Amino acid sequence: QVQVVESGGGLVQAGGSLRLSCAASGSFSIHVMAWYRQAPGKQRELVAHTTTDGSTTYAESVKGRCTISRDNAKNAVYLQMNSLKPEDTAVYYCNINILFWGQGTQVTVSS
């Protein structure tokens, strides 16, 4: 059984920073690790993802402000978010190998 657990969300003022963490457990090989987000009334969207070879991609809306990183030894992925904006407010979800989702962590950015 695969478990995916996020942490690190919270309330922050505009311009602030947060670091999200995600840990995956279970007997499987991890290839793609990603962060998605879903704002109220909007579809879930990809924020960033990273593959086994370390390549990364970012949504245009977060480029230059967010950094995704992973620790393969810990089956963990992180999302460092800087210069946060109110429009970054959403529930952030960790995704492993496209198949497995965490429960989400709320990020709220106040203006």
Protein backbone atom coordinates (compact mmCIF):
# COMPACT_ATOMS: atom_id res chain seq x y z
CA GLN A 1 0.00 0.00 0.00
CA VAL A 2 1.29 3.42 -0.95
CA GLN A 3 0.94 6.36 1.40
CA VAL A 4 1.66 9.94 0.44
CA VAL A 5 1.71 12.58 3.15
CA GLU A 6 2.19 16.32 2.68
CA SER A 7 3.10 18.90 5.27
CA GLY A 8 4.23 22.49 5.48
CA GLY A 9 1.20 24.46 4.40
CA GLY A 10 -0.09 27.42 6.32
CA LEU A 11 -1.01 31.08 6.31
CA VAL A 12 1.57 33.55 5.07
CA GLN A 13 1.58 37.17 3.99
CA ALA A 14 2.17 38.14 0.41
CA GLY A 15 5.86 38.17 -0.34
CA GLY A 16 6.55 35.45 2.18
CA SER A 17 7.85 31.92 1.77
CA LEU A 18 6.76 28.39 2.54
CA ARG A 19 8.36 25.01 2.09
CA LEU A 20 6.11 22.06 1.42
CA SER A 21 7.25 18.53 2.10
CA CYS A 22 5.94 15.21 0.88
CA ALA A 23 6.94 11.75 1.97
CA ALA A 24 5.93 8.57 0.21
CA SER A 25 6.01 5.12 1.71
CA GLY A 26 5.36 1.69 0.29
CA SER A 27 7.00 -0.93 -1.86
CA PHE A 28 7.36 0.70 -5.23
CA SER A 29 9.83 2.55 -7.41
CA ILE A 30 9.39 6.27 -7.64
CA HIS A 31 9.87 7.91 -11.00
CA VAL A 32 7.92 11.14 -11.28
CA MET A 33 7.23 13.32 -8.26
CA ALA A 34 5.05 16.35 -8.64
CA TRP A 35 3.14 19.10 -6.90
CA TYR A 36 -0.32 20.16 -8.02
CA ARG A 37 -2.66 22.74 -6.60
CA GLN A 38 -6.36 23.42 -6.66
CA ALA A 39 -7.88 26.77 -5.83
CA PRO A 40 -11.57 27.11 -4.93
CA GLY A 41 -13.73 26.84 -8.03
CA LYS A 42 -10.79 25.97 -10.25
CA GLN A 43 -9.37 22.81 -11.75
CA ARG A 44 -6.37 21.11 -10.27
CA GLU A 45 -3.21 22.26 -12.02
CA LEU A 46 0.38 21.14 -12.19
CA VAL A 47 2.77 23.37 -10.27
CA ALA A 48 6.04 21.51 -10.77
CA HIS A 49 7.37 18.04 -11.34
CA THR A 50 10.67 16.26 -11.25
CA THR A 51 11.81 12.98 -12.78
CA THR A 52 14.33 10.42 -11.67
CA ASP A 53 17.13 12.02 -13.69
CA GLY A 54 16.56 15.29 -11.87
CA SER A 55 14.91 17.21 -14.67
CA THR A 56 12.23 19.67 -13.58
CA THR A 57 9.37 21.59 -15.11
CA TYR A 58 7.31 24.43 -13.70
CA ALA A 59 4.05 26.12 -14.42
CA GLU A 60 4.60 29.55 -15.94
CA SER A 61 2.83 31.15 -13.01
CA VAL A 62 5.45 29.94 -10.51
CA LYS A 63 8.64 30.01 -12.57
CA GLY A 64 11.36 31.89 -10.77
CA ARG A 65 9.49 31.73 -7.46
CA CYS A 66 9.28 28.00 -6.76
CA THR A 67 11.85 25.24 -6.63
CA ILE A 68 11.06 21.55 -6.57
CA SER A 69 13.61 19.15 -5.16
CA ARG A 70 13.68 15.52 -4.16
CA ASP A 71 15.51 13.19 -1.82
CA ASN A 72 15.42 9.76 -3.39
CA ALA A 73 16.83 8.09 -0.31
CA LYS A 74 13.88 9.35 1.70
CA ASN A 75 11.25 9.03 -1.03
CA ALA A 76 10.57 12.70 -0.44
CA VAL A 77 9.87 15.72 -2.56
CA TYR A 78 9.82 19.35 -1.55
CA LEU A 79 8.48 22.60 -2.93
CA GLN A 80 10.14 25.81 -1.86
CA MET A 81 7.83 28.72 -2.60
CA ASN A 82 9.08 32.30 -2.42
CA SER A 83 7.53 35.68 -3.16
CA LEU A 84 4.11 34.21 -2.57
CA LYS A 85 1.08 35.96 -3.99
CA PRO A 86 -2.58 35.81 -2.96
CA GLU A 87 -3.29 33.93 -6.19
CA ASP A 88 -1.07 31.12 -4.93
CA THR A 89 -3.75 30.32 -2.35
CA ALA A 90 -4.86 26.73 -2.91
CA VAL A 91 -4.72 23.22 -1.60
CA TYR A 92 -1.41 21.75 -2.68
CA TYR A 93 -1.22 18.06 -3.50
CA CYS A 94 1.74 15.78 -3.85
CA ASN A 95 1.62 13.24 -6.65
CA ILE A 96 3.80 10.18 -7.10
CA ASN A 97 4.16 8.37 -10.40
CA ILE A 98 0.96 10.04 -11.61
CA LEU A 99 -1.03 7.41 -9.73
CA PHE A 100 -0.78 8.27 -6.05
CA TRP A 101 -2.04 11.40 -4.30
CA GLY A 102 -1.64 12.86 -0.87
CA GLN A 103 -4.49 14.38 1.10
CA GLY A 104 -3.39 17.93 0.35
CA THR A 105 -2.11 20.79 2.43
CA GLN A 106 -3.68 24.25 2.50
CA VAL A 107 -1.63 27.26 1.52
CA THR A 108 -3.22 30.65 2.16
CA VAL A 109 -1.52 33.87 1.14
CA SER A 110 -2.96 37.05 2.57
CA SER A 111 -2.65 40.40 0.82
